[in-house]
Amino acid sequence: MDSYKFSLEELDSFKELFAIGQGDELPEAHRLTISTEVPELVARLLGAAKLTLLAEVSHYKLFFPLSMRLDEWGQFNPELGIPEVLDTRGSERSWRLTDLDGVVVKASEGGVPLQVLSLSSSGVTLKEQGELQSRGDMQLELPGGELVPLAVEPVRNENGVVAARILASCEAREALRRFLFGRHRAIYADLYRDLM
């Protein structure tokens, strides 16, 4: 184990600090001041910053959007959003859900349900049914009846399977992340046990 020797200057500072009796004034060099007000420039930067908090659970990385909100006293309070779950086995990519019980995807409102093979926050794979040749709007119906409007852009079509990139509004993307994160936590509950 390494030991550390204080310099004479450090020892003198400690002696001076601990020699002060009750009621004595601390020397200026030893005073600590705390400001509860955030400078305006820093407040604007933090309020507009796009921050992310990374949590690693087994071979998954969870990227939580982190925003800073000012409360009524001018203090910053961090707010965590719904995380993006990445699977780090092989290459890092969005975690894909393949057990899609209760999830329905339709190429259009009132259209025929499509067979979904996998779903992530960035993409979907579908059994080719002639419905998806170019970019198109889709509707994802989650268990519980929540409808999430999505636009998809096919990137690959092989052996009757279409892989498409999901293009969605911020609200739709958050609803999809919320659903996928909820499923991930349910499927891998043992990974989250120590975190909660």
C-alpha atoms as a PDB file:
ATOM      1  CA  MET A   1       0.000   0.000   0.000  1.00  0.00           C
ATOM      2  CA  ASP A   2       1.395   3.397  -0.984  1.00  0.00           C
ATOM      3  CA  SER A   3       1.734   6.074   1.633  1.00  0.00           C
ATOM      4  CA  TYR A   4       1.468   9.796   1.084  1.00  0.00           C
ATOM      5  CA  LYS A   5       3.523  12.378   2.938  1.00  0.00           C
ATOM      6  CA  PHE A   6       2.057  15.824   3.371  1.00  0.00           C
ATOM      7  CA  SER A   7       4.228  18.778   2.434  1.00  0.00           C
ATOM      8  CA  LEU A   8       5.171  21.344   5.077  1.00  0.00           C
ATOM      9  CA  GLU A   9       2.780  23.809   3.438  1.00  0.00           C
ATOM     10  CA  GLU A  10      -0.097  21.294   3.663  1.00  0.00           C
ATOM     11  CA  LEU A  11       0.710  20.529   7.306  1.00  0.00           C
ATOM     12  CA  ASP A  12       0.749  24.254   8.125  1.00  0.00           C
ATOM     13  CA  SER A  13      -2.667  24.638   6.454  1.00  0.00           C
ATOM     14  CA  PHE A  14      -4.085  21.791   8.548  1.00  0.00           C
ATOM     15  CA  LYS A  15      -2.611  23.239  11.747  1.00  0.00           C
ATOM     16  CA  GLU A  16      -4.077  26.637  10.929  1.00  0.00           C
ATOM     17  CA  LEU A  17      -7.456  25.145  10.072  1.00  0.00           C
ATOM     18  CA  PHE A  18      -7.750  23.013  13.218  1.00  0.00           C
ATOM     19  CA  ALA A  19      -6.241  25.634  15.537  1.00  0.00           C
ATOM     20  CA  ILE A  20      -9.178  27.963  15.042  1.00  0.00           C
ATOM     21  CA  GLY A  21     -11.337  28.047  18.128  1.00  0.00           C
ATOM     22  CA  GLN A  22     -15.094  28.298  18.307  1.00  0.00           C
ATOM     23  CA  GLY A  23     -16.316  31.677  17.242  1.00  0.00           C
ATOM     24  CA  ASP A  24     -13.067  32.498  15.436  1.00  0.00           C
ATOM     25  CA  GLU A  25     -13.352  33.617  11.839  1.00  0.00           C
ATOM     26  CA  LEU A  26     -11.899  31.338   9.148  1.00  0.00           C
ATOM     27  CA  PRO A  27      -9.157  32.877   7.020  1.00  0.00           C
ATOM     28  CA  GLU A  28     -10.345  33.859   3.509  1.00  0.00           C
ATOM     29  CA  ALA A  29      -8.343  31.018   1.909  1.00  0.00           C
ATOM     30  CA  HIS A  30     -10.345  28.412   3.883  1.00  0.00           C
ATOM     31  CA  ARG A  31     -13.853  29.726   3.294  1.00  0.00           C
ATOM     32  CA  LEU A  32     -16.273  27.782   1.178  1.00  0.00           C
ATOM     33  CA  THR A  33     -19.053  29.628  -0.566  1.00  0.00           C
ATOM     34  CA  ILE A  34     -22.019  27.948  -2.180  1.00  0.00           C
ATOM     35  CA  SER A  35     -24.095  29.609  -4.833  1.00  0.00           C
ATOM     36  CA  THR A  36     -27.629  28.373  -5.286  1.00  0.00           C
ATOM     37  CA  GLU A  37     -28.068  30.411  -8.432  1.00  0.00           C
ATOM     38  CA  VAL A  38     -26.971  29.024 -11.791  1.00  0.00           C
ATOM     39  CA  PRO A  39     -25.423  31.635 -14.077  1.00  0.00           C
ATOM     40  CA  GLU A  40     -27.749  32.512 -16.970  1.00  0.00           C
ATOM     41  CA  LEU A  41     -25.359  31.294 -19.682  1.00  0.00           C
ATOM     42  CA  VAL A  42     -24.874  27.926 -17.946  1.00  0.00           C
ATOM     43  CA  ALA A  43     -28.631  27.599 -17.391  1.00  0.00           C
ATOM     44  CA  ARG A  44     -29.316  28.143 -21.107  1.00  0.00           C
ATOM     45  CA  LEU A  45     -26.661  25.602 -22.093  1.00  0.00           C
ATOM     46  CA  LEU A  46     -27.884  22.939 -19.671  1.00  0.00           C
ATOM     47  CA  GLY A  47     -31.514  23.564 -20.575  1.00  0.00           C
ATOM     48  CA  ALA A  48     -30.805  23.036 -24.279  1.00  0.00           C
ATOM     49  CA  ALA A  49     -28.225  20.258 -23.945  1.00  0.00           C
ATOM     50  CA  LYS A  50     -28.931  16.788 -25.251  1.00  0.00           C
ATOM     51  CA  LEU A  51     -27.466  14.558 -22.579  1.00  0.00           C
ATOM     52  CA  THR A  52     -27.463  10.785 -22.293  1.00  0.00           C
ATOM     53  CA  LEU A  53     -26.897   8.545 -19.298  1.00  0.00           C
ATOM     54  CA  LEU A  54     -25.413   5.140 -20.098  1.00  0.00           C
ATOM     55  CA  ALA A  55     -26.211   2.071 -17.996  1.00  0.00           C
ATOM     56  CA  GLU A  56     -24.710  -1.313 -18.801  1.00  0.00           C
ATOM     57  CA  VAL A  57     -26.669  -4.410 -17.802  1.00  0.00           C
ATOM     58  CA  SER A  58     -25.096  -7.730 -18.831  1.00  0.00           C
ATOM     59  CA  HIS A  59     -24.508  -7.477 -22.596  1.00  0.00           C
ATOM     60  CA  TYR A  60     -27.008  -4.640 -23.019  1.00  0.00           C
ATOM     61  CA  LYS A  61     -26.391  -0.919 -23.036  1.00  0.00           C
ATOM     62  CA  LEU A  62     -29.244   1.344 -22.017  1.00  0.00           C
ATOM     63  CA  PHE A  63     -28.999   4.937 -23.212  1.00  0.00           C
ATOM     64  CA  PHE A  64     -31.311   7.117 -21.129  1.00  0.00           C
ATOM     65  CA  PRO A  65     -32.103  10.584 -22.521  1.00  0.00           C
ATOM     66  CA  LEU A  66     -31.322  13.018 -19.705  1.00  0.00           C
ATOM     67  CA  SER A  67     -32.781  16.483 -19.587  1.00  0.00           C
ATOM     68  CA  MET A  68     -32.267  19.207 -17.021  1.00  0.00           C
ATOM     69  CA  ARG A  69     -35.311  21.170 -15.897  1.00  0.00           C
ATOM     70  CA  LEU A  70     -35.268  24.306 -13.793  1.00  0.00           C
ATOM     71  CA  ASP A  71     -37.612  24.204 -10.820  1.00  0.00           C
ATOM     72  CA  GLU A  72     -39.328  27.196  -9.226  1.00  0.00           C
ATOM     73  CA  TRP A  73     -36.246  27.881  -7.036  1.00  0.00           C
ATOM     74  CA  GLY A  74     -33.883  27.986 -10.018  1.00  0.00           C
ATOM     75  CA  GLN A  75     -32.364  24.581  -9.250  1.00  0.00           C
ATOM     76  CA  PHE A  76     -31.690  22.030 -11.988  1.00  0.00           C
ATOM     77  CA  ASN A  77     -33.440  18.695 -11.651  1.00  0.00           C
ATOM     78  CA  PRO A  78     -32.409  15.822 -13.906  1.00  0.00           C
ATOM     79  CA  GLU A  79     -35.192  13.913 -15.687  1.00  0.00           C
ATOM     80  CA  LEU A  80     -34.541  10.507 -17.220  1.00  0.00           C
ATOM     81  CA  GLY A  81     -36.409   9.523 -20.373  1.00  0.00           C
ATOM     82  CA  ILE A  82     -37.216   6.088 -21.773  1.00  0.00           C
ATOM     83  CA  PRO A  83     -33.958   4.341 -22.731  1.00  0.00           C
ATOM     84  CA  GLU A  84     -32.808   2.954 -26.044  1.00  0.00           C
ATOM     85  CA  VAL A  85     -31.684  -0.651 -25.459  1.00  0.00           C
ATOM     86  CA  LEU A  86     -28.677  -1.826 -27.469  1.00  0.00           C
ATOM     87  CA  ASP A  87     -27.527  -5.409 -27.715  1.00  0.00           C
ATOM     88  CA  THR A  88     -23.715  -5.510 -27.646  1.00  0.00           C
ATOM     89  CA  ARG A  89     -23.267  -9.122 -28.756  1.00  0.00           C
ATOM     90  CA  GLY A  90     -21.560  -8.956 -32.110  1.00  0.00           C
ATOM     91  CA  SER A  91     -22.242  -5.431 -33.285  1.00  0.00           C
ATOM     92  CA  GLU A  92     -24.050  -2.835 -31.234  1.00  0.00           C
ATOM     93  CA  ARG A  93     -27.573  -2.470 -32.552  1.00  0.00           C
ATOM     94  CA  SER A  94     -31.031  -1.800 -31.216  1.00  0.00           C
ATOM     95  CA  TRP A  95     -32.432  -4.722 -29.248  1.00  0.00           C
ATOM     96  CA  ARG A  96     -34.955  -6.671 -31.324  1.00  0.00           C
ATOM     97  CA  LEU A  97     -38.132  -8.171 -29.946  1.00  0.00           C
ATOM     98  CA  THR A  98     -39.171 -11.372 -31.721  1.00  0.00           C
ATOM     99  CA  ASP A  99     -42.023 -12.485 -29.445  1.00  0.00           C
ATOM    100  CA  LEU A 100     -44.678 -10.082 -30.683  1.00  0.00           C
ATOM    101  CA  ASP A 101     -47.837 -11.429 -29.037  1.00  0.00           C
ATOM    102  CA  GLY A 102     -50.488  -8.734 -29.036  1.00  0.00           C
ATOM    103  CA  VAL A 103     -48.638  -6.472 -31.495  1.00  0.00           C
ATOM    104  CA  VAL A 104     -50.362  -5.739 -34.801  1.00  0.00           C
ATOM    105  CA  VAL A 105     -48.877  -3.836 -37.739  1.00  0.00           C
ATOM    106  CA  LYS A 106     -50.997  -2.663 -40.650  1.00  0.00           C
ATOM    107  CA  ALA A 107     -49.798  -1.017 -43.839  1.00  0.00           C
ATOM    108  CA  SER A 108     -52.676   1.448 -43.613  1.00  0.00           C
ATOM    109  CA  GLU A 109     -55.577   2.243 -41.351  1.00  0.00           C
ATOM    110  CA  GLY A 110     -58.090  -0.581 -41.703  1.00  0.00           C
ATOM    111  CA  GLY A 111     -55.579  -2.606 -43.736  1.00  0.00           C
ATOM    112  CA  VAL A 112     -54.757  -6.280 -43.399  1.00  0.00           C
ATOM    113  CA  PRO A 113     -52.440  -7.065 -40.465  1.00  0.00           C
ATOM    114  CA  LEU A 114     -48.874  -7.843 -41.549  1.00  0.00           C
ATOM    115  CA  GLN A 115     -46.837 -10.674 -40.072  1.00  0.00           C
ATOM    116  CA  VAL A 116     -44.100  -9.026 -37.986  1.00  0.00           C
ATOM    117  CA  LEU A 117     -40.973 -11.129 -37.457  1.00  0.00           C
ATOM    118  CA  SER A 118     -39.012  -8.658 -35.318  1.00  0.00           C
ATOM    119  CA  LEU A 119     -39.324  -5.113 -34.031  1.00  0.00           C
ATOM    120  CA  SER A 120     -36.798  -2.641 -32.660  1.00  0.00           C
ATOM    121  CA  SER A 121     -36.882   1.100 -32.116  1.00  0.00           C
ATOM    122  CA  SER A 122     -35.054   1.596 -35.406  1.00  0.00           C
ATOM    123  CA  GLY A 123     -36.461  -1.116 -37.658  1.00  0.00           C
ATOM    124  CA  VAL A 124     -38.940  -3.867 -38.377  1.00  0.00           C
ATOM    125  CA  THR A 125     -38.824  -7.124 -40.328  1.00  0.00           C
ATOM    126  CA  LEU A 126     -42.013  -8.314 -41.981  1.00  0.00           C
ATOM    127  CA  LYS A 127     -43.119 -11.356 -43.934  1.00  0.00           C
ATOM    128  CA  GLU A 128     -43.434 -10.080 -47.512  1.00  0.00           C
ATOM    129  CA  GLN A 129     -47.079  -9.787 -48.520  1.00  0.00           C
ATOM    130  CA  GLY A 130     -46.736  -7.420 -51.455  1.00  0.00           C
ATOM    131  CA  GLU A 131     -47.791  -4.500 -49.239  1.00  0.00           C
ATOM    132  CA  LEU A 132     -44.419  -2.859 -48.780  1.00  0.00           C
ATOM    133  CA  GLN A 133     -42.549  -1.965 -51.958  1.00  0.00           C
ATOM    134  CA  SER A 134     -41.509   1.594 -51.133  1.00  0.00           C
ATOM    135  CA  ARG A 135     -41.665   4.041 -48.257  1.00  0.00           C
ATOM    136  CA  GLY A 136     -45.062   3.935 -46.639  1.00  0.00           C
ATOM    137  CA  ASP A 137     -47.077   4.765 -43.574  1.00  0.00           C
ATOM    138  CA  MET A 138     -47.931   2.041 -41.119  1.00  0.00           C
ATOM    139  CA  GLN A 139     -49.818   1.767 -37.919  1.00  0.00           C
ATOM    140  CA  LEU A 140     -48.490  -0.198 -34.981  1.00  0.00           C
ATOM    141  CA  GLU A 141     -51.086  -1.346 -32.469  1.00  0.00           C
ATOM    142  CA  LEU A 142     -49.557  -2.217 -29.118  1.00  0.00           C
ATOM    143  CA  PRO A 143     -51.134  -4.443 -26.469  1.00  0.00           C
ATOM    144  CA  GLY A 144     -53.680  -2.349 -24.628  1.00  0.00           C
ATOM    145  CA  GLY A 145     -54.824  -0.631 -27.827  1.00  0.00           C
ATOM    146  CA  GLU A 146     -52.221   2.158 -28.099  1.00  0.00           C
ATOM    147  CA  LEU A 147     -51.806   3.157 -31.767  1.00  0.00           C
ATOM    148  CA  VAL A 148     -48.380   4.318 -32.941  1.00  0.00           C
ATOM    149  CA  PRO A 149     -48.154   5.845 -36.442  1.00  0.00           C
ATOM    150  CA  LEU A 150     -44.905   4.972 -38.217  1.00  0.00           C
ATOM    151  CA  ALA A 151     -43.390   5.568 -41.601  1.00  0.00           C
ATOM    152  CA  VAL A 152     -41.132   2.791 -42.846  1.00  0.00           C
ATOM    153  CA  GLU A 153     -38.555   2.646 -45.592  1.00  0.00           C
ATOM    154  CA  PRO A 154     -37.631  -0.816 -46.952  1.00  0.00           C
ATOM    155  CA  VAL A 155     -33.881  -1.426 -46.972  1.00  0.00           C
ATOM    156  CA  ARG A 156     -33.737  -5.118 -47.874  1.00  0.00           C
ATOM    157  CA  ASN A 157     -36.018  -7.782 -49.336  1.00  0.00           C
ATOM    158  CA  GLU A 158     -34.658 -11.339 -49.229  1.00  0.00           C
ATOM    159  CA  ASN A 159     -36.367 -14.728 -49.243  1.00  0.00           C
ATOM    160  CA  GLY A 160     -39.794 -13.251 -48.620  1.00  0.00           C
ATOM    161  CA  VAL A 161     -38.667 -11.112 -45.663  1.00  0.00           C
ATOM    162  CA  VAL A 162     -38.648  -7.309 -45.816  1.00  0.00           C
ATOM    163  CA  ALA A 163     -36.386  -5.352 -43.487  1.00  0.00           C
ATOM    164  CA  ALA A 164     -37.440  -1.726 -43.116  1.00  0.00           C
ATOM    165  CA  ARG A 165     -36.081   1.320 -41.287  1.00  0.00           C
ATOM    166  CA  ILE A 166     -38.553   3.056 -39.001  1.00  0.00           C
ATOM    167  CA  LEU A 167     -39.059   6.794 -39.511  1.00  0.00           C
ATOM    168  CA  ALA A 168     -41.205   8.245 -36.753  1.00  0.00           C
ATOM    169  CA  SER A 169     -42.045  11.421 -34.879  1.00  0.00           C
ATOM    170  CA  CYS A 170     -40.504  11.992 -31.445  1.00  0.00           C
ATOM    171  CA  GLU A 171     -43.767  10.988 -29.743  1.00  0.00           C
ATOM    172  CA  ALA A 172     -44.129   7.783 -31.772  1.00  0.00           C
ATOM    173  CA  ARG A 173     -40.474   6.871 -31.220  1.00  0.00           C
ATOM    174  CA  GLU A 174     -40.873   7.410 -27.467  1.00  0.00           C
ATOM    175  CA  ALA A 175     -44.009   5.220 -27.386  1.00  0.00           C
ATOM    176  CA  LEU A 176     -42.119   2.493 -29.248  1.00  0.00           C
ATOM    177  CA  ARG A 177     -39.098   2.769 -26.894  1.00  0.00           C
ATOM    178  CA  ARG A 178     -41.433   2.637 -23.863  1.00  0.00           C
ATOM    179  CA  PHE A 179     -43.064  -0.546 -25.170  1.00  0.00           C
ATOM    180  CA  LEU A 180     -39.742  -2.217 -26.065  1.00  0.00           C
ATOM    181  CA  PHE A 181     -38.086  -1.255 -22.768  1.00  0.00           C
ATOM    182  CA  GLY A 182     -41.104  -2.608 -20.853  1.00  0.00           C
ATOM    183  CA  ARG A 183     -40.839  -5.907 -22.720  1.00  0.00           C
ATOM    184  CA  HIS A 184     -37.079  -6.038 -22.182  1.00  0.00           C
ATOM    185  CA  ARG A 185     -37.520  -5.518 -18.432  1.00  0.00           C
ATOM    186  CA  ALA A 186     -40.214  -8.207 -18.313  1.00  0.00           C
ATOM    187  CA  ILE A 187     -38.194 -10.760 -20.295  1.00  0.00           C
ATOM    188  CA  TYR A 188     -34.910 -10.084 -18.470  1.00  0.00           C
ATOM    189  CA  ALA A 189     -36.301  -9.292 -15.013  1.00  0.00           C
ATOM    190  CA  ASP A 190     -33.330 -11.013 -13.359  1.00  0.00           C
ATOM    191  CA  LEU A 191     -30.949  -8.429 -14.901  1.00  0.00           C
ATOM    192  CA  TYR A 192     -32.928  -5.547 -13.414  1.00  0.00           C
ATOM    193  CA  ARG A 193     -33.488  -7.042  -9.956  1.00  0.00           C
ATOM    194  CA  ASP A 194     -30.384  -5.438  -8.438  1.00  0.00           C
ATOM    195  CA  LEU A 195     -31.002  -2.073 -10.137  1.00  0.00           C
ATOM    196  CA  MET A 196     -34.446  -1.395  -8.717  1.00  0.00           C
END
